[in-house]
Amino acid sequence: MVVIRLARGGAKKRPFFSMVVADSRFRRDGRFIERVGFYNPCAKGGEEKLRIQLERINHWKSHGAQLSDTVTRLVRQFGSQQKAG
């Protein structure tokens, strides 16, 4: 099964997450099919906190990909930011 989930990167105590499309059998930070965004929970000042390619996520969802709970929450948050901004 194909899933869209977060893969952790960054330094110790400074996490940075890539939003990736991957086979569910692959490791969390392992091989992936496509990178469709990122989430930076430690963003400060003018740094971008969240970027998502919604058209690519919709493409993968139409092909049967499942979103993780966290990715679902972030996509909703990104959608509300787009409407407000």
PDB file of N, CA and C in Angstrom:
ATOM      1  N   MET A   1       0.841  -1.178   0.000  1.00  0.00           N
ATOM      2  CA  MET A   1       0.000   0.000   0.000  1.00  0.00           C
ATOM      3  C   MET A   1       0.890   1.246   0.000  1.00  0.00           C
ATOM      4  N   VAL A   2       0.477   2.252  -0.732  1.00  0.00           N
ATOM      5  CA  VAL A   2       1.208   3.516  -0.802  1.00  0.00           C
ATOM      6  C   VAL A   2       0.647   4.455   0.262  1.00  0.00           C
ATOM      7  N   VAL A   3       1.540   5.095   1.015  1.00  0.00           N
ATOM      8  CA  VAL A   3       1.132   6.030   2.062  1.00  0.00           C
ATOM      9  C   VAL A   3       1.854   7.361   1.877  1.00  0.00           C
ATOM     10  N   ILE A   4       1.212   8.419   2.353  1.00  0.00           N
ATOM     11  CA  ILE A   4       1.844   9.737   2.397  1.00  0.00           C
ATOM     12  C   ILE A   4       2.083  10.022   3.864  1.00  0.00           C
ATOM     13  N   ARG A   5       3.353  10.173   4.242  1.00  0.00           N
ATOM     14  CA  ARG A   5       3.714  10.327   5.652  1.00  0.00           C
ATOM     15  C   ARG A   5       4.907  11.260   5.785  1.00  0.00           C
ATOM     16  N   LEU A   6       5.281  11.527   7.041  1.00  0.00           N
ATOM     17  CA  LEU A   6       6.419  12.393   7.323  1.00  0.00           C
ATOM     18  C   LEU A   6       7.674  11.562   7.527  1.00  0.00           C
ATOM     19  N   ALA A   7       8.781  12.022   6.942  1.00  0.00           N
ATOM     20  CA  ALA A   7      10.090  11.408   7.146  1.00  0.00           C
ATOM     21  C   ALA A   7      10.943  12.427   7.892  1.00  0.00           C
ATOM     22  N   ARG A   8      11.525  12.019   9.011  1.00  0.00           N
ATOM     23  CA  ARG A   8      12.261  12.955   9.858  1.00  0.00           C
ATOM     24  C   ARG A   8      13.667  13.198   9.331  1.00  0.00           C
ATOM     25  N   GLY A   9      14.063  14.449   9.408  1.00  0.00           N
ATOM     26  CA  GLY A   9      15.424  14.853   9.072  1.00  0.00           C
ATOM     27  C   GLY A   9      15.839  15.924  10.057  1.00  0.00           C
ATOM     28  N   GLY A  10      16.896  16.639   9.761  1.00  0.00           N
ATOM     29  CA  GLY A  10      17.349  17.704  10.642  1.00  0.00           C
ATOM     30  C   GLY A  10      18.339  17.205  11.670  1.00  0.00           C
ATOM     31  N   ALA A  11      18.716  18.088  12.555  1.00  0.00           N
ATOM     32  CA  ALA A  11      19.701  17.777  13.583  1.00  0.00           C
ATOM     33  C   ALA A  11      19.007  17.356  14.875  1.00  0.00           C
ATOM     34  N   LYS A  12      19.822  16.940  15.837  1.00  0.00           N
ATOM     35  CA  LYS A  12      19.284  16.566  17.138  1.00  0.00           C
ATOM     36  C   LYS A  12      18.585  17.773  17.765  1.00  0.00           C
ATOM     37  N   LYS A  13      17.376  17.564  18.247  1.00  0.00           N
ATOM     38  CA  LYS A  13      16.538  18.590  18.875  1.00  0.00           C
ATOM     39  C   LYS A  13      16.116  19.705  17.920  1.00  0.00           C
ATOM     40  N   ARG A  14      16.368  19.549  16.618  1.00  0.00           N
ATOM     41  CA  ARG A  14      15.922  20.503  15.591  1.00  0.00           C
ATOM     42  C   ARG A  14      15.291  19.712  14.447  1.00  0.00           C
ATOM     43  N   PRO A  15      14.112  19.134  14.678  1.00  0.00           N
ATOM     44  CA  PRO A  15      13.523  18.260  13.656  1.00  0.00           C
ATOM     45  C   PRO A  15      13.052  19.032  12.427  1.00  0.00           C
ATOM     46  N   PHE A  16      13.094  18.355  11.309  1.00  0.00           N
ATOM     47  CA  PHE A  16      12.599  18.856  10.035  1.00  0.00           C
ATOM     48  C   PHE A  16      11.983  17.651   9.335  1.00  0.00           C
ATOM     49  N   PHE A  17      10.767  17.794   8.866  1.00  0.00           N
ATOM     50  CA  PHE A  17      10.064  16.654   8.292  1.00  0.00           C
ATOM     51  C   PHE A  17       9.774  16.876   6.814  1.00  0.00           C
ATOM     52  N   SER A  18      10.096  15.883   6.011  1.00  0.00           N
ATOM     53  CA  SER A  18       9.713  15.880   4.604  1.00  0.00           C
ATOM     54  C   SER A  18       8.423  15.087   4.479  1.00  0.00           C
ATOM     55  N   MET A  19       7.500  15.593   3.686  1.00  0.00           N
ATOM     56  CA  MET A  19       6.270  14.867   3.418  1.00  0.00           C
ATOM     57  C   MET A  19       6.520  14.028   2.168  1.00  0.00           C
ATOM     58  N   VAL A  20       6.485  12.708   2.320  1.00  0.00           N
ATOM     59  CA  VAL A  20       6.874  11.821   1.228  1.00  0.00           C
ATOM     60  C   VAL A  20       5.775  10.813   0.907  1.00  0.00           C
ATOM     61  N   VAL A  21       5.785  10.373  -0.348  1.00  0.00           N
ATOM     62  CA  VAL A  21       4.937   9.272  -0.800  1.00  0.00           C
ATOM     63  C   VAL A  21       5.827   8.044  -0.802  1.00  0.00           C
ATOM     64  N   ALA A  22       5.427   7.000  -0.071  1.00  0.00           N
ATOM     65  CA  ALA A  22       6.278   5.811   0.052  1.00  0.00           C
ATOM     66  C   ALA A  22       5.422   4.560   0.168  1.00  0.00           C
ATOM     67  N   ASP A  23       6.029   3.442  -0.121  1.00  0.00           N
ATOM     68  CA  ASP A  23       5.395   2.149   0.117  1.00  0.00           C
ATOM     69  C   ASP A  23       5.376   1.932   1.631  1.00  0.00           C
ATOM     70  N   SER A  24       4.292   1.405   2.156  1.00  0.00           N
ATOM     71  CA  SER A  24       4.164   1.251   3.605  1.00  0.00           C
ATOM     72  C   SER A  24       5.185   0.279   4.185  1.00  0.00           C
ATOM     73  N   ARG A  25       5.787  -0.572   3.351  1.00  0.00           N
ATOM     74  CA  ARG A  25       6.777  -1.535   3.842  1.00  0.00           C
ATOM     75  C   ARG A  25       8.159  -0.915   4.022  1.00  0.00           C
ATOM     76  N   PHE A  26       8.381   0.274   3.468  1.00  0.00           N
ATOM     77  CA  PHE A  26       9.682   0.930   3.588  1.00  0.00           C
ATOM     78  C   PHE A  26       9.807   1.600   4.955  1.00  0.00           C
ATOM     79  N   ARG A  27      11.054   1.775   5.398  1.00  0.00           N
ATOM     80  CA  ARG A  27      11.289   2.423   6.686  1.00  0.00           C
ATOM     81  C   ARG A  27      10.836   3.883   6.651  1.00  0.00           C
ATOM     82  N   ARG A  28      10.581   4.437   7.821  1.00  0.00           N
ATOM     83  CA  ARG A  28      10.080   5.808   7.932  1.00  0.00           C
ATOM     84  C   ARG A  28      10.972   6.803   7.205  1.00  0.00           C
ATOM     85  N   ASP A  29      12.274   6.702   7.420  1.00  0.00           N
ATOM     86  CA  ASP A  29      13.211   7.640   6.806  1.00  0.00           C
ATOM     87  C   ASP A  29      13.929   7.024   5.612  1.00  0.00           C
ATOM     88  N   GLY A  30      13.408   5.916   5.115  1.00  0.00           N
ATOM     89  CA  GLY A  30      14.071   5.191   4.036  1.00  0.00           C
ATOM     90  C   GLY A  30      13.630   5.644   2.656  1.00  0.00           C
ATOM     91  N   ARG A  31      13.598   4.680   1.754  1.00  0.00           N
ATOM     92  CA  ARG A  31      13.293   4.937   0.352  1.00  0.00           C
ATOM     93  C   ARG A  31      11.878   5.480   0.195  1.00  0.00           C
ATOM     94  N   PHE A  32      11.699   6.400  -0.739  1.00  0.00           N
ATOM     95  CA  PHE A  32      10.381   6.953  -1.013  1.00  0.00           C
ATOM     96  C   PHE A  32      10.211   7.159  -2.511  1.00  0.00           C
ATOM     97  N   ILE A  33       8.977   7.376  -2.928  1.00  0.00           N
ATOM     98  CA  ILE A  33       8.652   7.536  -4.339  1.00  0.00           C
ATOM     99  C   ILE A  33       8.774   8.995  -4.757  1.00  0.00           C
ATOM    100  N   GLU A  34       8.190   9.893  -3.955  1.00  0.00           N
ATOM    101  CA  GLU A  34       8.171  11.313  -4.307  1.00  0.00           C
ATOM    102  C   GLU A  34       8.075  12.155  -3.041  1.00  0.00           C
ATOM    103  N   ARG A  35       8.724  13.314  -3.063  1.00  0.00           N
ATOM    104  CA  ARG A  35       8.629  14.280  -1.965  1.00  0.00           C
ATOM    105  C   ARG A  35       7.585  15.313  -2.363  1.00  0.00           C
ATOM    106  N   VAL A  36       6.558  15.494  -1.524  1.00  0.00           N
ATOM    107  CA  VAL A  36       5.448  16.376  -1.886  1.00  0.00           C
ATOM    108  C   VAL A  36       5.307  17.581  -0.954  1.00  0.00           C
ATOM    109  N   GLY A  37       6.270  17.795  -0.071  1.00  0.00           N
ATOM    110  CA  GLY A  37       6.208  18.956   0.803  1.00  0.00           C
ATOM    111  C   GLY A  37       7.129  18.802   1.989  1.00  0.00           C
ATOM    112  N   PHE A  38       7.057  19.778   2.898  1.00  0.00           N
ATOM    113  CA  PHE A  38       7.845  19.705   4.122  1.00  0.00           C
ATOM    114  C   PHE A  38       7.114  20.396   5.257  1.00  0.00           C
ATOM    115  N   TYR A  39       7.543  20.080   6.482  1.00  0.00           N
ATOM    116  CA  TYR A  39       7.008  20.682   7.697  1.00  0.00           C
ATOM    117  C   TYR A  39       8.179  20.972   8.612  1.00  0.00           C
ATOM    118  N   ASN A  40       8.318  22.249   9.006  1.00  0.00           N
ATOM    119  CA  ASN A  40       9.403  22.670   9.881  1.00  0.00           C
ATOM    120  C   ASN A  40       8.794  23.191  11.187  1.00  0.00           C
ATOM    121  N   PRO A  41       8.675  22.345  12.216  1.00  0.00           N
ATOM    122  CA  PRO A  41       8.035  22.784  13.460  1.00  0.00           C
ATOM    123  C   PRO A  41       8.854  23.809  14.235  1.00  0.00           C
ATOM    124  N   CYS A  42      10.141  23.935  13.925  1.00  0.00           N
ATOM    125  CA  CYS A  42      11.019  24.868  14.640  1.00  0.00           C
ATOM    126  C   CYS A  42      11.253  26.157  13.864  1.00  0.00           C
ATOM    127  N   ALA A  43      10.408  26.477  12.892  1.00  0.00           N
ATOM    128  CA  ALA A  43      10.599  27.672  12.064  1.00  0.00           C
ATOM    129  C   ALA A  43      10.509  28.925  12.927  1.00  0.00           C
ATOM    130  N   LYS A  44      11.430  29.832  12.676  1.00  0.00           N
ATOM    131  CA  LYS A  44      11.465  31.086  13.432  1.00  0.00           C
ATOM    132  C   LYS A  44      11.442  32.262  12.464  1.00  0.00           C
ATOM    133  N   GLY A  45      10.851  33.354  12.904  1.00  0.00           N
ATOM    134  CA  GLY A  45      10.861  34.572  12.102  1.00  0.00           C
ATOM    135  C   GLY A  45      10.172  34.406  10.760  1.00  0.00           C
ATOM    136  N   GLY A  46      10.889  34.747   9.700  1.00  0.00           N
ATOM    137  CA  GLY A  46      10.320  34.699   8.360  1.00  0.00           C
ATOM    138  C   GLY A  46      10.456  33.362   7.671  1.00  0.00           C
ATOM    139  N   GLU A  47      10.947  32.345   8.379  1.00  0.00           N
ATOM    140  CA  GLU A  47      11.110  31.027   7.761  1.00  0.00           C
ATOM    141  C   GLU A  47       9.749  30.400   7.472  1.00  0.00           C
ATOM    142  N   GLU A  48       9.696  29.656   6.390  1.00  0.00           N
ATOM    143  CA  GLU A  48       8.465  28.973   6.006  1.00  0.00           C
ATOM    144  C   GLU A  48       8.285  27.728   6.874  1.00  0.00           C
ATOM    145  N   LYS A  49       7.095  27.583   7.449  1.00  0.00           N
ATOM    146  CA  LYS A  49       6.846  26.470   8.359  1.00  0.00           C
ATOM    147  C   LYS A  49       6.282  25.244   7.645  1.00  0.00           C
ATOM    148  N   LEU A  50       5.489  25.474   6.613  1.00  0.00           N
ATOM    149  CA  LEU A  50       4.786  24.373   5.961  1.00  0.00           C
ATOM    150  C   LEU A  50       4.631  24.667   4.474  1.00  0.00           C
ATOM    151  N   ARG A  51       5.014  23.697   3.644  1.00  0.00           N
ATOM    152  CA  ARG A  51       4.792  23.797   2.196  1.00  0.00           C
ATOM    153  C   ARG A  51       4.298  22.442   1.704  1.00  0.00           C
ATOM    154  N   ILE A  52       3.187  22.479   0.976  1.00  0.00           N
ATOM    155  CA  ILE A  52       2.587  21.243   0.479  1.00  0.00           C
ATOM    156  C   ILE A  52       2.194  21.441  -0.979  1.00  0.00           C
ATOM    157  N   GLN A  53       2.455  20.441  -1.804  1.00  0.00           N
ATOM    158  CA  GLN A  53       2.006  20.431  -3.198  1.00  0.00           C
ATOM    159  C   GLN A  53       0.672  19.682  -3.239  1.00  0.00           C
ATOM    160  N   LEU A  54      -0.417  20.432  -3.049  1.00  0.00           N
ATOM    161  CA  LEU A  54      -1.741  19.812  -2.945  1.00  0.00           C
ATOM    162  C   LEU A  54      -2.134  19.046  -4.203  1.00  0.00           C
ATOM    163  N   GLU A  55      -1.731  19.545  -5.386  1.00  0.00           N
ATOM    164  CA  GLU A  55      -2.104  18.841  -6.615  1.00  0.00           C
ATOM    165  C   GLU A  55      -1.459  17.456  -6.683  1.00  0.00           C
ATOM    166  N   ARG A  56      -0.233  17.323  -6.158  1.00  0.00           N
ATOM    167  CA  ARG A  56       0.432  16.013  -6.149  1.00  0.00           C
ATOM    168  C   ARG A  56      -0.203  15.085  -5.103  1.00  0.00           C
ATOM    169  N   ILE A  57      -0.601  15.647  -3.959  1.00  0.00           N
ATOM    170  CA  ILE A  57      -1.271  14.836  -2.937  1.00  0.00           C
ATOM    171  C   ILE A  57      -2.607  14.330  -3.475  1.00  0.00           C
ATOM    172  N   ASN A  58      -3.352  15.203  -4.149  1.00  0.00           N
ATOM    173  CA  ASN A  58      -4.627  14.773  -4.737  1.00  0.00           C
ATOM    174  C   ASN A  58      -4.406  13.713  -5.813  1.00  0.00           C
ATOM    175  N   HIS A  59      -3.333  13.852  -6.588  1.00  0.00           N
ATOM    176  CA  HIS A  59      -3.003  12.851  -7.603  1.00  0.00           C
ATOM    177  C   HIS A  59      -2.780  11.487  -6.955  1.00  0.00           C
ATOM    178  N   TRP A  60      -1.982  11.455  -5.889  1.00  0.00           N
ATOM    179  CA  TRP A  60      -1.678  10.175  -5.237  1.00  0.00           C
ATOM    180  C   TRP A  60      -2.901   9.610  -4.528  1.00  0.00           C
ATOM    181  N   LYS A  61      -3.737  10.484  -3.946  1.00  0.00           N
ATOM    182  CA  LYS A  61      -4.968  10.002  -3.315  1.00  0.00           C
ATOM    183  C   LYS A  61      -5.888   9.361  -4.345  1.00  0.00           C
ATOM    184  N   SER A  62      -5.940   9.936  -5.549  1.00  0.00           N
ATOM    185  CA  SER A  62      -6.786   9.362  -6.599  1.00  0.00           C
ATOM    186  C   SER A  62      -6.260   8.010  -7.074  1.00  0.00           C
ATOM    187  N   HIS A  63      -4.967   7.751  -6.834  1.00  0.00           N
ATOM    188  CA  HIS A  63      -4.375   6.461  -7.184  1.00  0.00           C
ATOM    189  C   HIS A  63      -4.363   5.497  -5.992  1.00  0.00           C
ATOM    190  N   GLY A  64      -5.056   5.852  -4.900  1.00  0.00           N
ATOM    191  CA  GLY A  64      -5.238   4.929  -3.788  1.00  0.00           C
ATOM    192  C   GLY A  64      -4.308   5.109  -2.609  1.00  0.00           C
ATOM    193  N   ALA A  65      -3.524   6.181  -2.572  1.00  0.00           N
ATOM    194  CA  ALA A  65      -2.613   6.400  -1.447  1.00  0.00           C
ATOM    195  C   ALA A  65      -3.400   6.795  -0.199  1.00  0.00           C
ATOM    196  N   GLN A  66      -2.918   6.350   0.954  1.00  0.00           N
ATOM    197  CA  GLN A  66      -3.522   6.687   2.239  1.00  0.00           C
ATOM    198  C   GLN A  66      -2.673   7.756   2.919  1.00  0.00           C
ATOM    199  N   LEU A  67      -3.316   8.725   3.574  1.00  0.00           N
ATOM    200  CA  LEU A  67      -2.598   9.754   4.316  1.00  0.00           C
ATOM    201  C   LEU A  67      -2.481   9.332   5.772  1.00  0.00           C
ATOM    202  N   SER A  68      -1.324   9.602   6.380  1.00  0.00           N
ATOM    203  CA  SER A  68      -1.181   9.350   7.812  1.00  0.00           C
ATOM    204  C   SER A  68      -2.013  10.385   8.564  1.00  0.00           C
ATOM    205  N   ASP A  69      -2.267  10.134   9.839  1.00  0.00           N
ATOM    206  CA  ASP A  69      -3.078  11.053  10.644  1.00  0.00           C
ATOM    207  C   ASP A  69      -2.447  12.438  10.704  1.00  0.00           C
ATOM    208  N   THR A  70      -1.139  12.496  10.897  1.00  0.00           N
ATOM    209  CA  THR A  70      -0.444  13.778  11.003  1.00  0.00           C
ATOM    210  C   THR A  70      -0.483  14.530   9.681  1.00  0.00           C
ATOM    211  N   VAL A  71      -0.290  13.831   8.583  1.00  0.00           N
ATOM    212  CA  VAL A  71      -0.335  14.479   7.267  1.00  0.00           C
ATOM    213  C   VAL A  71      -1.739  15.009   6.994  1.00  0.00           C
ATOM    214  N   THR A  72      -2.760  14.260   7.372  1.00  0.00           N
ATOM    215  CA  THR A  72      -4.137  14.729   7.202  1.00  0.00           C
ATOM    216  C   THR A  72      -4.351  16.035   7.953  1.00  0.00           C
ATOM    217  N   ARG A  73      -3.866  16.097   9.191  1.00  0.00           N
ATOM    218  CA  ARG A  73      -3.998  17.320   9.998  1.00  0.00           C
ATOM    219  C   ARG A  73      -3.257  18.485   9.349  1.00  0.00           C
ATOM    220  N   LEU A  74      -2.049  18.242   8.855  1.00  0.00           N
ATOM    221  CA  LEU A  74      -1.255  19.306   8.235  1.00  0.00           C
ATOM    222  C   LEU A  74      -1.879  19.794   6.927  1.00  0.00           C
ATOM    223  N   VAL A  75      -2.467  18.890   6.150  1.00  0.00           N
ATOM    224  CA  VAL A  75      -3.117  19.286   4.899  1.00  0.00           C
ATOM    225  C   VAL A  75      -4.320  20.176   5.200  1.00  0.00           C
ATOM    226  N   ARG A  76      -5.092  19.827   6.224  1.00  0.00           N
ATOM    227  CA  ARG A  76      -6.225  20.673   6.623  1.00  0.00           C
ATOM    228  C   ARG A  76      -5.739  22.052   7.060  1.00  0.00           C
ATOM    229  N   GLN A  77      -4.671  22.073   7.855  1.00  0.00           N
ATOM    230  CA  GLN A  77      -4.099  23.333   8.338  1.00  0.00           C
ATOM    231  C   GLN A  77      -3.609  24.176   7.160  1.00  0.00           C
ATOM    232  N   PHE A  78      -2.956  23.563   6.195  1.00  0.00           N
ATOM    233  CA  PHE A  78      -2.451  24.263   5.019  1.00  0.00           C
ATOM    234  C   PHE A  78      -3.607  24.819   4.192  1.00  0.00           C
ATOM    235  N   GLY A  79      -4.680  24.046   4.049  1.00  0.00           N
ATOM    236  CA  GLY A  79      -5.851  24.503   3.306  1.00  0.00           C
ATOM    237  C   GLY A  79      -6.506  25.712   3.950  1.00  0.00           C
ATOM    238  N   SER A  80      -6.588  25.716   5.270  1.00  0.00           N
ATOM    239  CA  SER A  80      -7.181  26.866   5.957  1.00  0.00           C
ATOM    240  C   SER A  80      -6.283  28.095   5.852  1.00  0.00           C
ATOM    241  N   GLN A  81      -4.960  27.898   5.818  1.00  0.00           N
ATOM    242  CA  GLN A  81      -4.032  29.019   5.625  1.00  0.00           C
ATOM    243  C   GLN A  81      -4.186  29.611   4.231  1.00  0.00           C
ATOM    244  N   GLN A  82      -4.373  28.753   3.231  1.00  0.00           N
ATOM    245  CA  GLN A  82      -4.520  29.209   1.853  1.00  0.00           C
ATOM    246  C   GLN A  82      -5.792  30.044   1.701  1.00  0.00           C
ATOM    247  N   LYS A  83      -6.885  29.623   2.365  1.00  0.00           N
ATOM    248  CA  LYS A  83      -8.141  30.359   2.273  1.00  0.00           C
ATOM    249  C   LYS A  83      -8.032  31.707   2.982  1.00  0.00           C
ATOM    250  N   ALA A  84      -7.347  31.727   4.133  1.00  0.00           N
ATOM    251  CA  ALA A  84      -7.210  32.960   4.907  1.00  0.00           C
ATOM    252  C   ALA A  84      -6.247  33.935   4.233  1.00  0.00           C
ATOM    253  N   GLY A  85      -5.210  33.410   3.590  1.00  0.00           N
ATOM    254  CA  GLY A  85      -4.172  34.275   3.018  1.00  0.00           C
ATOM    255  C   GLY A  85      -4.382  34.474   1.592  1.00  0.00           C
TER     256      GLY A  85
END
